[in-house]
């Protein structure tokens, strides 16, 4: 079983830790959501990683981007060094 380098939250109480977790999550999505570009890319990169025809890293990047699509970007962390 292939493990993702970092697990990430999918929904309120679920986490994605393996390629199987990610695949099952994508299969359970409504068809309308699967047609969104972020999810199409995530599904394609995940399938390529599973088949060995694409790098796993692409799926690891695409899945969190799809999960967080439409959410506001987090506020930048202020620097610790005082301004001169």
PDB file of N, CA and C in Angstrom:
ATOM      1  N   UNK A   1       0.860  -1.173   0.000  1.00  0.00           N
ATOM      2  CA  UNK A   1       0.000   0.000   0.000  1.00  0.00           C
ATOM      3  C   UNK A   1       0.900   1.227   0.000  1.00  0.00           C
ATOM      4  N   UNK A   2       0.648   2.143  -0.912  1.00  0.00           N
ATOM      5  CA  UNK A   2       1.424   3.380  -0.981  1.00  0.00           C
ATOM      6  C   UNK A   2       0.866   4.381   0.014  1.00  0.00           C
ATOM      7  N   UNK A   3       1.774   4.952   0.794  1.00  0.00           N
ATOM      8  CA  UNK A   3       1.379   5.971   1.761  1.00  0.00           C
ATOM      9  C   UNK A   3       1.759   7.341   1.221  1.00  0.00           C
ATOM     10  N   UNK A   4       0.919   8.304   1.473  1.00  0.00           N
ATOM     11  CA  UNK A   4       1.219   9.679   1.109  1.00  0.00           C
ATOM     12  C   UNK A   4       2.216  10.228   2.121  1.00  0.00           C
ATOM     13  N   UNK A   5       3.094  11.106   1.682  1.00  0.00           N
ATOM     14  CA  UNK A   5       4.135  11.612   2.582  1.00  0.00           C
ATOM     15  C   UNK A   5       3.540  12.369   3.766  1.00  0.00           C
ATOM     16  N   UNK A   6       2.464  13.094   3.535  1.00  0.00           N
ATOM     17  CA  UNK A   6       1.773  13.777   4.630  1.00  0.00           C
ATOM     18  C   UNK A   6       0.286  13.526   4.480  1.00  0.00           C
ATOM     19  N   UNK A   7      -0.357  13.148   5.563  1.00  0.00           N
ATOM     20  CA  UNK A   7      -1.803  13.000   5.531  1.00  0.00           C
ATOM     21  C   UNK A   7      -2.442  14.375   5.590  1.00  0.00           C
ATOM     22  N   UNK A   8      -3.666  14.491   5.144  1.00  0.00           N
ATOM     23  CA  UNK A   8      -4.348  15.776   5.214  1.00  0.00           C
ATOM     24  C   UNK A   8      -5.826  15.540   5.417  1.00  0.00           C
ATOM     25  N   UNK A   9      -6.475  16.531   5.979  1.00  0.00           N
ATOM     26  CA  UNK A   9      -7.897  16.427   6.300  1.00  0.00           C
ATOM     27  C   UNK A   9      -8.725  16.528   5.034  1.00  0.00           C
ATOM     28  N   UNK A  10      -9.710  15.657   4.914  1.00  0.00           N
ATOM     29  CA  UNK A  10     -10.627  15.685   3.784  1.00  0.00           C
ATOM     30  C   UNK A  10     -11.954  16.301   4.192  1.00  0.00           C
ATOM     31  N   UNK A  11     -12.476  15.865   5.283  1.00  0.00           N
ATOM     32  CA  UNK A  11     -13.752  16.374   5.771  1.00  0.00           C
ATOM     33  C   UNK A  11     -13.612  16.528   7.286  1.00  0.00           C
ATOM     34  N   UNK A  12     -14.697  16.784   7.935  1.00  0.00           N
ATOM     35  CA  UNK A  12     -14.648  17.067   9.369  1.00  0.00           C
ATOM     36  C   UNK A  12     -13.962  15.963  10.174  1.00  0.00           C
ATOM     37  N   UNK A  13     -14.206  14.703   9.828  1.00  0.00           N
ATOM     38  CA  UNK A  13     -13.680  13.613  10.654  1.00  0.00           C
ATOM     39  C   UNK A  13     -12.875  12.585   9.871  1.00  0.00           C
ATOM     40  N   UNK A  14     -12.450  12.905   8.660  1.00  0.00           N
ATOM     41  CA  UNK A  14     -11.692  11.914   7.905  1.00  0.00           C
ATOM     42  C   UNK A  14     -10.356  12.485   7.458  1.00  0.00           C
ATOM     43  N   UNK A  15      -9.384  11.593   7.329  1.00  0.00           N
ATOM     44  CA  UNK A  15      -8.053  11.977   6.871  1.00  0.00           C
ATOM     45  C   UNK A  15      -7.664  11.063   5.723  1.00  0.00           C
ATOM     46  N   UNK A  16      -6.858  11.606   4.834  1.00  0.00           N
ATOM     47  CA  UNK A  16      -6.356  10.865   3.693  1.00  0.00           C
ATOM     48  C   UNK A  16      -4.897  10.526   3.972  1.00  0.00           C
ATOM     49  N   UNK A  17      -4.614   9.243   4.128  1.00  0.00           N
ATOM     50  CA  UNK A  17      -3.239   8.830   4.429  1.00  0.00           C
ATOM     51  C   UNK A  17      -2.641   7.964   3.329  1.00  0.00           C
ATOM     52  N   UNK A  18      -3.467   7.308   2.547  1.00  0.00           N
ATOM     53  CA  UNK A  18      -2.967   6.404   1.507  1.00  0.00           C
ATOM     54  C   UNK A  18      -3.605   6.748   0.164  1.00  0.00           C
ATOM     55  N   UNK A  19      -3.041   6.185  -0.888  1.00  0.00           N
ATOM     56  CA  UNK A  19      -3.645   6.369  -2.208  1.00  0.00           C
ATOM     57  C   UNK A  19      -5.052   5.791  -2.241  1.00  0.00           C
ATOM     58  N   UNK A  20      -5.257   4.705  -1.541  1.00  0.00           N
ATOM     59  CA  UNK A  20      -6.597   4.103  -1.481  1.00  0.00           C
ATOM     60  C   UNK A  20      -7.592   5.061  -0.830  1.00  0.00           C
ATOM     61  N   UNK A  21      -7.189   5.708   0.266  1.00  0.00           N
ATOM     62  CA  UNK A  21      -8.057   6.697   0.925  1.00  0.00           C
ATOM     63  C   UNK A  21      -8.451   7.794  -0.071  1.00  0.00           C
ATOM     64  N   UNK A  22      -7.448   8.290  -0.799  1.00  0.00           N
ATOM     65  CA  UNK A  22      -7.701   9.365  -1.756  1.00  0.00           C
ATOM     66  C   UNK A  22      -8.629   8.892  -2.870  1.00  0.00           C
ATOM     67  N   UNK A  23      -8.389   7.684  -3.373  1.00  0.00           N
ATOM     68  CA  UNK A  23      -9.232   7.136  -4.438  1.00  0.00           C
ATOM     69  C   UNK A  23     -10.667   6.926  -3.990  1.00  0.00           C
ATOM     70  N   UNK A  24     -10.848   6.402  -2.797  1.00  0.00           N
ATOM     71  CA  UNK A  24     -12.201   6.189  -2.274  1.00  0.00           C
ATOM     72  C   UNK A  24     -12.917   7.515  -2.060  1.00  0.00           C
ATOM     73  N   UNK A  25     -12.178   8.514  -1.617  1.00  0.00           N
ATOM     74  CA  UNK A  25     -12.784   9.830  -1.417  1.00  0.00           C
ATOM     75  C   UNK A  25     -13.254  10.413  -2.752  1.00  0.00           C
ATOM     76  N   UNK A  26     -12.406  10.307  -3.764  1.00  0.00           N
ATOM     77  CA  UNK A  26     -12.764  10.834  -5.090  1.00  0.00           C
ATOM     78  C   UNK A  26     -13.962  10.082  -5.666  1.00  0.00           C
ATOM     79  N   UNK A  27     -14.005   8.767  -5.501  1.00  0.00           N
ATOM     80  CA  UNK A  27     -15.122   7.982  -6.027  1.00  0.00           C
ATOM     81  C   UNK A  27     -16.440   8.336  -5.357  1.00  0.00           C
ATOM     82  N   UNK A  28     -16.386   8.789  -4.122  1.00  0.00           N
ATOM     83  CA  UNK A  28     -17.611   9.125  -3.389  1.00  0.00           C
ATOM     84  C   UNK A  28     -18.118  10.536  -3.681  1.00  0.00           C
ATOM     85  N   UNK A  29     -17.339  11.332  -4.415  1.00  0.00           N
ATOM     86  CA  UNK A  29     -17.765  12.700  -4.714  1.00  0.00           C
ATOM     87  C   UNK A  29     -18.946  12.716  -5.677  1.00  0.00           C
ATOM     88  N   UNK A  30     -19.799  13.723  -5.577  1.00  0.00           N
ATOM     89  CA  UNK A  30     -20.887  13.875  -6.547  1.00  0.00           C
ATOM     90  C   UNK A  30     -20.309  14.168  -7.936  1.00  0.00           C
ATOM     91  N   UNK A  31     -21.008  13.746  -8.959  1.00  0.00           N
ATOM     92  CA  UNK A  31     -20.534  13.921 -10.347  1.00  0.00           C
ATOM     93  C   UNK A  31     -20.281  15.389 -10.686  1.00  0.00           C
ATOM     94  N   UNK A  32     -21.111  16.283 -10.183  1.00  0.00           N
ATOM     95  CA  UNK A  32     -20.925  17.714 -10.466  1.00  0.00           C
ATOM     96  C   UNK A  32     -19.587  18.203  -9.921  1.00  0.00           C
ATOM     97  N   UNK A  33     -19.211  17.730  -8.764  1.00  0.00           N
ATOM     98  CA  UNK A  33     -17.940  18.152  -8.175  1.00  0.00           C
ATOM     99  C   UNK A  33     -16.768  17.553  -8.950  1.00  0.00           C
ATOM    100  N   UNK A  34     -16.926  16.327  -9.434  1.00  0.00           N
ATOM    101  CA  UNK A  34     -15.858  15.679 -10.205  1.00  0.00           C
ATOM    102  C   UNK A  34     -15.572  16.404 -11.513  1.00  0.00           C
ATOM    103  N   UNK A  35     -16.512  17.181 -12.002  1.00  0.00           N
ATOM    104  CA  UNK A  35     -16.325  17.920 -13.253  1.00  0.00           C
ATOM    105  C   UNK A  35     -15.549  19.218 -13.053  1.00  0.00           C
ATOM    106  N   UNK A  36     -15.322  19.600 -11.807  1.00  0.00           N
ATOM    107  CA  UNK A  36     -14.534  20.802 -11.533  1.00  0.00           C
ATOM    108  C   UNK A  36     -13.074  20.524 -11.898  1.00  0.00           C
ATOM    109  N   UNK A  37     -12.394  21.502 -12.484  1.00  0.00           N
ATOM    110  CA  UNK A  37     -11.019  21.282 -12.953  1.00  0.00           C
ATOM    111  C   UNK A  37     -10.065  20.766 -11.878  1.00  0.00           C
ATOM    112  N   UNK A  38     -10.194  21.261 -10.652  1.00  0.00           N
ATOM    113  CA  UNK A  38      -9.292  20.825  -9.586  1.00  0.00           C
ATOM    114  C   UNK A  38      -9.428  19.331  -9.310  1.00  0.00           C
ATOM    115  N   UNK A  39     -10.693  18.857  -9.336  1.00  0.00           N
ATOM    116  CA  UNK A  39     -10.922  17.440  -9.060  1.00  0.00           C
ATOM    117  C   UNK A  39     -10.565  16.563 -10.248  1.00  0.00           C
ATOM    118  N   UNK A  40     -10.735  17.073 -11.458  1.00  0.00           N
ATOM    119  CA  UNK A  40     -10.308  16.306 -12.629  1.00  0.00           C
ATOM    120  C   UNK A  40      -8.802  16.089 -12.596  1.00  0.00           C
ATOM    121  N   UNK A  41      -8.053  17.135 -12.267  1.00  0.00           N
ATOM    122  CA  UNK A  41      -6.593  17.028 -12.179  1.00  0.00           C
ATOM    123  C   UNK A  41      -6.204  16.069 -11.058  1.00  0.00           C
ATOM    124  N   UNK A  42      -6.856  16.186  -9.909  1.00  0.00           N
ATOM    125  CA  UNK A  42      -6.541  15.301  -8.780  1.00  0.00           C
ATOM    126  C   UNK A  42      -6.792  13.842  -9.149  1.00  0.00           C
ATOM    127  N   UNK A  43      -7.916  13.570  -9.810  1.00  0.00           N
ATOM    128  CA  UNK A  43      -8.233  12.195 -10.199  1.00  0.00           C
ATOM    129  C   UNK A  43      -7.229  11.668 -11.221  1.00  0.00           C
ATOM    130  N   UNK A  44      -6.870  12.490 -12.198  1.00  0.00           N
ATOM    131  CA  UNK A  44      -5.913  12.062 -13.223  1.00  0.00           C
ATOM    132  C   UNK A  44      -4.536  11.779 -12.631  1.00  0.00           C
ATOM    133  N   UNK A  45      -4.063  12.668 -11.757  1.00  0.00           N
ATOM    134  CA  UNK A  45      -2.734  12.472 -11.180  1.00  0.00           C
ATOM    135  C   UNK A  45      -2.711  11.288 -10.216  1.00  0.00           C
ATOM    136  N   UNK A  46      -3.815  11.074  -9.510  1.00  0.00           N
ATOM    137  CA  UNK A  46      -3.905   9.935  -8.605  1.00  0.00           C
ATOM    138  C   UNK A  46      -3.881   8.630  -9.395  1.00  0.00           C
ATOM    139  N   UNK A  47      -4.649   8.571 -10.462  1.00  0.00           N
ATOM    140  CA  UNK A  47      -4.676   7.372 -11.298  1.00  0.00           C
ATOM    141  C   UNK A  47      -3.303   7.102 -11.908  1.00  0.00           C
ATOM    142  N   UNK A  48      -2.631   8.140 -12.376  1.00  0.00           N
ATOM    143  CA  UNK A  48      -1.295   7.971 -12.952  1.00  0.00           C
ATOM    144  C   UNK A  48      -0.319   7.447 -11.894  1.00  0.00           C
ATOM    145  N   UNK A  49      -0.423   7.941 -10.662  1.00  0.00           N
ATOM    146  CA  UNK A  49       0.462   7.471  -9.596  1.00  0.00           C
ATOM    147  C   UNK A  49       0.196   6.007  -9.266  1.00  0.00           C
ATOM    148  N   UNK A  50      -1.075   5.635  -9.226  1.00  0.00           N
ATOM    149  CA  UNK A  50      -1.430   4.253  -8.917  1.00  0.00           C
ATOM    150  C   UNK A  50      -0.937   3.309 -10.013  1.00  0.00           C
ATOM    151  N   UNK A  51      -1.054   3.733 -11.259  1.00  0.00           N
ATOM    152  CA  UNK A  51      -0.631   2.898 -12.381  1.00  0.00           C
ATOM    153  C   UNK A  51       0.889   2.906 -12.572  1.00  0.00           C
ATOM    154  N   UNK A  52       1.574   3.807 -11.900  1.00  0.00           N
ATOM    155  CA  UNK A  52       3.021   3.893 -12.030  1.00  0.00           C
ATOM    156  C   UNK A  52       3.481   4.690 -13.235  1.00  0.00           C
ATOM    157  N   UNK A  53       2.559   5.380 -13.898  1.00  0.00           N
ATOM    158  CA  UNK A  53       2.923   6.167 -15.079  1.00  0.00           C
ATOM    159  C   UNK A  53       3.127   7.648 -14.752  1.00  0.00           C
ATOM    160  N   UNK A  54       2.957   8.013 -13.517  1.00  0.00           N
ATOM    161  CA  UNK A  54       3.142   9.398 -13.105  1.00  0.00           C
ATOM    162  C   UNK A  54       3.699   9.452 -11.698  1.00  0.00           C
ATOM    163  N   UNK A  55       4.343  10.563 -11.349  1.00  0.00           N
ATOM    164  CA  UNK A  55       4.923  10.669 -10.012  1.00  0.00           C
ATOM    165  C   UNK A  55       3.870  10.819  -8.919  1.00  0.00           C
ATOM    166  N   UNK A  56       4.131  10.192  -7.808  1.00  0.00           N
ATOM    167  CA  UNK A  56       3.248  10.274  -6.645  1.00  0.00           C
ATOM    168  C   UNK A  56       3.136  11.707  -6.147  1.00  0.00           C
ATOM    169  N   UNK A  57       4.210  12.461  -6.272  1.00  0.00           N
ATOM    170  CA  UNK A  57       4.218  13.841  -5.776  1.00  0.00           C
ATOM    171  C   UNK A  57       3.128  14.687  -6.432  1.00  0.00           C
ATOM    172  N   UNK A  58       2.838  14.444  -7.710  1.00  0.00           N
ATOM    173  CA  UNK A  58       1.796  15.221  -8.386  1.00  0.00           C
ATOM    174  C   UNK A  58       0.442  14.989  -7.719  1.00  0.00           C
ATOM    175  N   UNK A  59       0.161  13.736  -7.355  1.00  0.00           N
ATOM    176  CA  UNK A  59      -1.103  13.438  -6.667  1.00  0.00           C
ATOM    177  C   UNK A  59      -1.109  14.064  -5.277  1.00  0.00           C
ATOM    178  N   UNK A  60       0.061  14.055  -4.608  1.00  0.00           N
ATOM    179  CA  UNK A  60       0.143  14.642  -3.275  1.00  0.00           C
ATOM    180  C   UNK A  60      -0.073  16.151  -3.312  1.00  0.00           C
ATOM    181  N   UNK A  61       0.242  16.773  -4.419  1.00  0.00           N
ATOM    182  CA  UNK A  61       0.028  18.211  -4.569  1.00  0.00           C
ATOM    183  C   UNK A  61      -1.414  18.492  -4.997  1.00  0.00           C
ATOM    184  N   UNK A  62      -1.931  17.696  -5.924  1.00  0.00           N
ATOM    185  CA  UNK A  62      -3.259  17.946  -6.499  1.00  0.00           C
ATOM    186  C   UNK A  62      -4.400  17.701  -5.515  1.00  0.00           C
ATOM    187  N   UNK A  63      -4.286  16.676  -4.674  1.00  0.00           N
ATOM    188  CA  UNK A  63      -5.393  16.361  -3.756  1.00  0.00           C
ATOM    189  C   UNK A  63      -5.681  17.501  -2.774  1.00  0.00           C
ATOM    190  N   UNK A  64      -4.690  18.019  -2.038  1.00  0.00           N
ATOM    191  CA  UNK A  64      -5.016  19.120  -1.121  1.00  0.00           C
ATOM    192  C   UNK A  64      -5.499  20.371  -1.852  1.00  0.00           C
ATOM    193  N   UNK A  65      -4.966  20.611  -3.061  1.00  0.00           N
ATOM    194  CA  UNK A  65      -5.432  21.773  -3.828  1.00  0.00           C
ATOM    195  C   UNK A  65      -6.907  21.625  -4.170  1.00  0.00           C
ATOM    196  N   UNK A  66      -7.324  20.409  -4.547  1.00  0.00           N
ATOM    197  CA  UNK A  66      -8.733  20.174  -4.874  1.00  0.00           C
ATOM    198  C   UNK A  66      -9.607  20.292  -3.631  1.00  0.00           C
ATOM    199  N   UNK A  67      -9.141  19.729  -2.527  1.00  0.00           N
ATOM    200  CA  UNK A  67      -9.920  19.781  -1.280  1.00  0.00           C
ATOM    201  C   UNK A  67     -10.117  21.224  -0.832  1.00  0.00           C
ATOM    202  N   UNK A  68      -9.092  22.054  -1.004  1.00  0.00           N
ATOM    203  CA  UNK A  68      -9.156  23.437  -0.524  1.00  0.00           C
ATOM    204  C   UNK A  68      -9.596  24.434  -1.589  1.00  0.00           C
ATOM    205  N   UNK A  69      -9.973  23.969  -2.758  1.00  0.00           N
ATOM    206  CA  UNK A  69     -10.412  24.873  -3.828  1.00  0.00           C
ATOM    207  C   UNK A  69     -11.636  25.663  -3.369  1.00  0.00           C
ATOM    208  N   UNK A  70     -11.611  26.943  -3.621  1.00  0.00           N
ATOM    209  CA  UNK A  70     -12.734  27.796  -3.256  1.00  0.00           C
ATOM    210  C   UNK A  70     -12.670  28.336  -1.846  1.00  0.00           C
ATOM    211  N   UNK A  71     -11.742  27.843  -1.041  1.00  0.00           N
ATOM    212  CA  UNK A  71     -11.592  28.353   0.322  1.00  0.00           C
ATOM    213  C   UNK A  71     -10.623  29.528   0.290  1.00  0.00           C
ATOM    214  N   UNK A  72     -10.799  30.480   1.169  1.00  0.00           N
ATOM    215  CA  UNK A  72      -9.870  31.616   1.178  1.00  0.00           C
ATOM    216  C   UNK A  72      -8.467  31.170   1.582  1.00  0.00           C
ATOM    217  N   UNK A  73      -7.473  31.832   1.020  1.00  0.00           N
ATOM    218  CA  UNK A  73      -6.081  31.524   1.358  1.00  0.00           C
ATOM    219  C   UNK A  73      -5.810  31.913   2.808  1.00  0.00           C
ATOM    220  N   UNK A  74      -4.959  31.155   3.497  1.00  0.00           N
ATOM    221  CA  UNK A  74      -4.656  31.513   4.885  1.00  0.00           C
ATOM    222  C   UNK A  74      -3.889  32.817   4.950  1.00  0.00           C
ATOM    223  N   UNK A  75      -4.056  33.519   6.047  1.00  0.00           N
ATOM    224  CA  UNK A  75      -3.352  34.782   6.253  1.00  0.00           C
ATOM    225  C   UNK A  75      -1.856  34.499   6.357  1.00  0.00           C
ATOM    226  N   UNK A  76      -1.038  35.345   5.759  1.00  0.00           N
ATOM    227  CA  UNK A  76       0.405  35.120   5.863  1.00  0.00           C
ATOM    228  C   UNK A  76       0.882  35.306   7.299  1.00  0.00           C
ATOM    229  N   UNK A  77       1.872  34.515   7.660  1.00  0.00           N
ATOM    230  CA  UNK A  77       2.444  34.600   9.000  1.00  0.00           C
ATOM    231  C   UNK A  77       3.391  35.790   9.051  1.00  0.00           C
ATOM    232  N   UNK A  78       3.227  36.664  10.025  1.00  0.00           N
ATOM    233  CA  UNK A  78       4.121  37.825  10.100  1.00  0.00           C
ATOM    234  C   UNK A  78       5.552  37.377  10.397  1.00  0.00           C
ATOM    235  N   UNK A  79       6.506  38.123   9.878  1.00  0.00           N
ATOM    236  CA  UNK A  79       7.909  37.776  10.127  1.00  0.00           C
ATOM    237  C   UNK A  79       8.253  38.086  11.576  1.00  0.00           C
ATOM    238  N   UNK A  80       9.225  37.378  12.093  1.00  0.00           N
ATOM    239  CA  UNK A  80       9.619  37.550  13.495  1.00  0.00           C
ATOM    240  C   UNK A  80      10.651  38.662  13.666  1.00  0.00           C
ATOM    241  N   UNK A  81      11.341  38.976  12.587  1.00  0.00           N
ATOM    242  CA  UNK A  81      12.363  40.007  12.676  1.00  0.00           C
ATOM    243  C   UNK A  81      11.695  41.384  12.623  1.00  0.00           C
ATOM    244  N   UNK A  82      12.118  42.266  13.511  1.00  0.00           N
ATOM    245  CA  UNK A  82      11.537  43.617  13.489  1.00  0.00           C
ATOM    246  C   UNK A  82      12.033  44.368  12.245  1.00  0.00           C
ATOM    247  N   UNK A  83      11.192  45.229  11.746  1.00  0.00           N
ATOM    248  CA  UNK A  83      11.560  46.039  10.588  1.00  0.00           C
ATOM    249  C   UNK A  83      12.551  47.112  11.008  1.00  0.00           C
ATOM    250  N   UNK A  84      13.473  47.421  10.142  1.00  0.00           N
ATOM    251  CA  UNK A  84      14.488  48.433  10.454  1.00  0.00           C
ATOM    252  C   UNK A  84      14.026  49.808  10.104  1.00  0.00           C
TER     253      UNK A  84
END
